[in-house]
Amino acid sequence: MKHIINFSLKNKFALWILTILVTIAGLYAGTSMKLETIPSVTNPVLSITTTYPGASPEEVSKKVTDPVEQAVSNLSGVDTVSSSSRENMSIIQVQYAFDKDMDKALDEAKEAVNNLDLGENIEEPSIAQQSIDDFPILSLSISDDKKSVEELTTLTEEEIVPVLEGVEGVSSIETAGEQKQEVQFTYKEDKLKEYGLDKETVENLIKGAKVSYPLGTFNMEEKEKTIVLDGNIETVEDLKNLEIPVTPSQSAPSGEMTAGSVSSGIPTVKLSDIADIKVAEITESLSKTNGERSIGVQVVKTSEGNTVDVTNAVMDALKDIKEDNSGLKIATTLDQSVEINKSVSTMIEKALFGALFAVIIILLFLRDIRSTIISIISIPLSLLMAMIFLKQMDISLNIMTLGAMTVAIGRVVDDSIVVIENIYRRMALKEEKLRGKDLIREATKEMFKPILSSTIVTIAVFLPLGTVTGPVGELFLPFALTIVFALLSSLIIAITIVPMLAHSLFKKGVKSKNHEENAGRLSSFYKSVLQWSLNHKWIVSGLSIIILIASLFLAPLVGTSFLPEQEIKTVNVTFNPNPGELEEDVKEEAADAEKYFLDKKNVKTVQYSIGGGNPFDPGAQNQALFYVEYKEDTPNFSDEKEQIVKDLNKGQSIGEWNSLDISGMGNNSIELRVFGDNTEDLQAAAEKVQNIMDDRKDLDKVESSLSEQNDQYTLVANQEELAKRGLSAGQIGMKLSQLGERPVLTTLNKDGKDLNVYIQTDKQDYSSINELEEETITSPLGQEVPLSDVVEVEEGKAPATISKLDGKMYATVSGEFKGQDVGAESTAIQKEVDKLDLPKNVSVEMGGVTEQINDSFTQLGLAMLAAIGIVYFVLVLTFGGGLAPFAILFSLPFTIIGGLLGLFIAGETISVSAMIGMLMLIGIVVTNAIVLIDRVIEKEKEGIITREALLEAASTRLRPILMTAIATIGALIPMAFGMESSGLISKGLAVTVIGGLTSSTLITLLIVPIVYEALMKLTRRRRK
């Protein structure tokens, strides 16, 4: 240590150069780091999606979900397997442990699923890892009053999409609302019979004619020639004029034989004679913006891409396209970079104000410009050094890292304050013998032990955070690393740059009178209070304990929640139609909703799509997805969001409107899972749970996953009657089946585009089940047999979705909680559920945000206990014994008093952010106690008795303790009182730290000396 300080004092110019280099490197790192809202969180979940066209949820569950679940449930690292079987589709989510290699997991899952034989009509399962990067970062609306939908589609497909796909960092571009072309091929059934042709023969001829491939290399004219076969069927006209041979036994109608029949001797007909072939305009999805037809474009970035940079690059690329197409309107309906920039600027603003507060506080205490400058130099330098480390670890600049820097401002200055205050104090002492470099070196060296131990203790507090698994652990790890890097940097600065600056700025010494006047009154007052407290230990200790116990009664009033909400002036809502509702009805409902939004005065943009797919709910079908952007100055926006869904659902009968939480944070949904062996028991139990939640006045939008049911008719085959007529159930299925996708016959070229040729089949609709029963099936003897003769119809209901968790069927009952104390509401509901009389095979468990709160709070609670253990271990090593560290730990319980009181006054809840604040307090509070007790032990070694050592340390260390505590509080004041939302790093964390540090500092200055003296007396008695 002595060598490091001497090096700094002897090589001041070199240190200045190094400081400049660090500053430049830190600025470069900060400006080149990726900008994100939150840290990139690994989601160890695989999603397996399988399409089974036309199948009911029960059929999907039986033939797809069950075998796939069995195949993946025993793979290594799998925690849970949940599934949702819907009409036409199976969605399975495989949750892995957080330490699982997801690339390996993906390969293992693909191998397991590919070995399954799921049967005909079931499409190949699609397996992908779920990631927040799969969600769009930018949603655009392309419209033009002067262009038709077809022209707009051409512009989008040929110009806009290719340009955007070429932007660095863009993973994919998804579109909705385009008008596309296809070739529709419809047989003339009467002509087929007339020419004695069958469909299979015709289709094979078409496929055989549309060929183009090389035949190989041949020797011709003493040279090698490549021969290529070209079927010469490229356009729609080519297809219409294709000659179809007719067998000689079949006579063609007069005048319809082609020339081909004369030359070859085989009669032929043109394909257009036996089929209608036409190019048709189709719209697979609908997209509208502010009432006009538009094309919706969604931009998805790569996992490595920077959201802000990618968004800016996309918008720059669109400027050129807009300039080349006058009248083209490009509206932004979703832009995640806006909120990122807003969050970053908000946190930077709070950090600057926090630094200003800290500077003012230090200046008021020191009343010396030079000392203040030396102290605060650690703030920018520590943060810039931390940025260098973060950049090297590829950690993005987000609200977590920026929040950590804001929080760290008050702490990184502590080491420098303690060192410069000690240097200043010793320079001001009349009896001080040392001067110049010797004094600075010894004064710095004297404080090295307490600042080293306090820094290590604070860093050690964050070590257990690495053991917290799940999203909370991954979210707060960058936060912890930022503080660790900043604190290590501040320690280095305190023992190098601070003594160097002190030597440069205090060459002429300091005024001792100034120092004595500044410190005298406050120290004298504290010494007298401490003297009285040491003489009345039981009174002071008893009052402190009473206050601590009383503060615990605030906990139920404060309440609990998971994560704070982050207000964004956009609304995203979806309309989910009831099972069986027609697309036309959904379009009509969406049009009404569009009018509702456009009539609102604060709405800027309304864009919606139907049938284009929902990136936030891949299994959704026939769903309407709305992006609604509001003006920044919209008043009472949170109330507006809640009222929107209520208004849209008024008088609703064909479906339900729901808000969509894109951020995934601040969700106050209370969810209960009802497990059972069969649908009947689940339905009955879910209704009872739903009734309980309906009666809760603070719960809104209560619904059960079993509330939606499909009307279902089951055709039960009469095997005896079928056998009499030589029929089978399979023949009935083939007759009535309307499953599967339209088959692509071939591909043609039109205006440079490839068009698919689809065989058109008439989809039979029936007005009633009776009309279906009148349908006939032909027996082997040619007899037309009505279905009513060979089947019986059973009418019933079937759930729209069948959900399973680890193979066990369950239903969810959920509701949105309008209050703040989610924990208390969940407890009250659980008590009511426990009173229910349910079958033995039925159980009810809490899920949703309640489960997240329980898991996160448990892990953070264990992390705090581990942190206390680590802190005690570090202190034992530092002080060489267990009694002094034990006394120091008595400062910790009293953080609860101010922490809970601060949350109560601020109207905040005990959230994950507040828990992180409590974890931080363990390190901050212990630091103050270390500075005090270290001085006490130092004086005891000089032969001073414990009481006198405590009083001397009280007067000597009071000012640095108060300065560091108040500087930390001052740095957090902007965050605590700022009106802007800061997301995860919110005022909940700030008020917890401010309140806890205030109460703990005041009581610690009395309790820790009391405990220390009592322990010393007890030790002496035992020795006697």
Foldseek 3Di string as FASTA:
>chain_A
DLVQLVCLQVPVVVVVVVLVVLLVLLVVLQVPFFFDAFWWDFFLKKKKKKFQWQDALVCCCVLPVVQLCVLLVPDPQWDWKKWKRFGRMIIIMTGGFPVDDSVVSQVSSCVSQVPDDSDPSIDRIDMDGDGLLLAFQWKKWKDFPVDDLAVQLCCCVPPQQVLLVPQPFFDHKFKAQHKDKFKEKEFPVVVCVLLVHDPVLVLVVVVVLQDKAWPAWDQDPNDIDTHIDGSPQFFLVSQQQDKDFGQPVRDDPPPQWDPVCVVPVTTTGGSVVGIPIDMDIDHLKFKDKLRHGTMMMTTRGDPLDRLLVSVVRSVVSVVVVCVVDDRMDMDILHHSVVVSVVLLVLLVVLLVQLLVLLLVLLCVQVVDPLLSVLLQVLLSSLLSQLSSVCSVVSIGDHLLLSLLSLLLNLVLSLLQLQLSLQLQQLLLDPPRDDDASVSSSVSLVLCLLLLVLLLVLLLLLCVLLCVQDDPLSVRNPSSSSSNNSSNVSSSSCNSNVSSNSCNVPQVVTDHNVVVCVSQPPVLVVLLVVQVVCLVVVVVLVVVLVVLLVVLVVLQVVQFEFAWADADDQKWKKKWAFFPPDDLVVQVVLVVVLSVVLSPDPFWDMKMKMFSSADSVCRVGHRMIIIIIGGHPPDPPRVVVNVVSQVVSCVVDDGTGMDTDDSVPPPALKWKKKKFFADDVQQVVLLVVLLVLQVPDPQWAPKDKLQPRKDKDKDWAFQVVLCVVLQHDVVQVCVVQDPTDDFDFSDWHDDPRDIHTYTHDDDRDDDPDVVRQQQQFGQGPVRDTHGNVRTTDMDIDIGGSMWMDMNRTTIMMIMTGGNDANSVVVNVVSVVVSVPDDGDPRMDMDIDDRNVVQVSLVVSLVVSLVVSLVVSQVSVCVSVVHRQLSVLLQVLLSQLSSQLSVLSSVLSHHCYSLLSVLSSSLSSLSSSLSSQQVSQLVVVVVVVDDNSVSNSVSSSSSVSSSVSSLSSSLSSLVCQLPPPRASIRNGNSSNSSNNGSSVRSSVSSNRRSSSSSVVVVVVVVVVVD
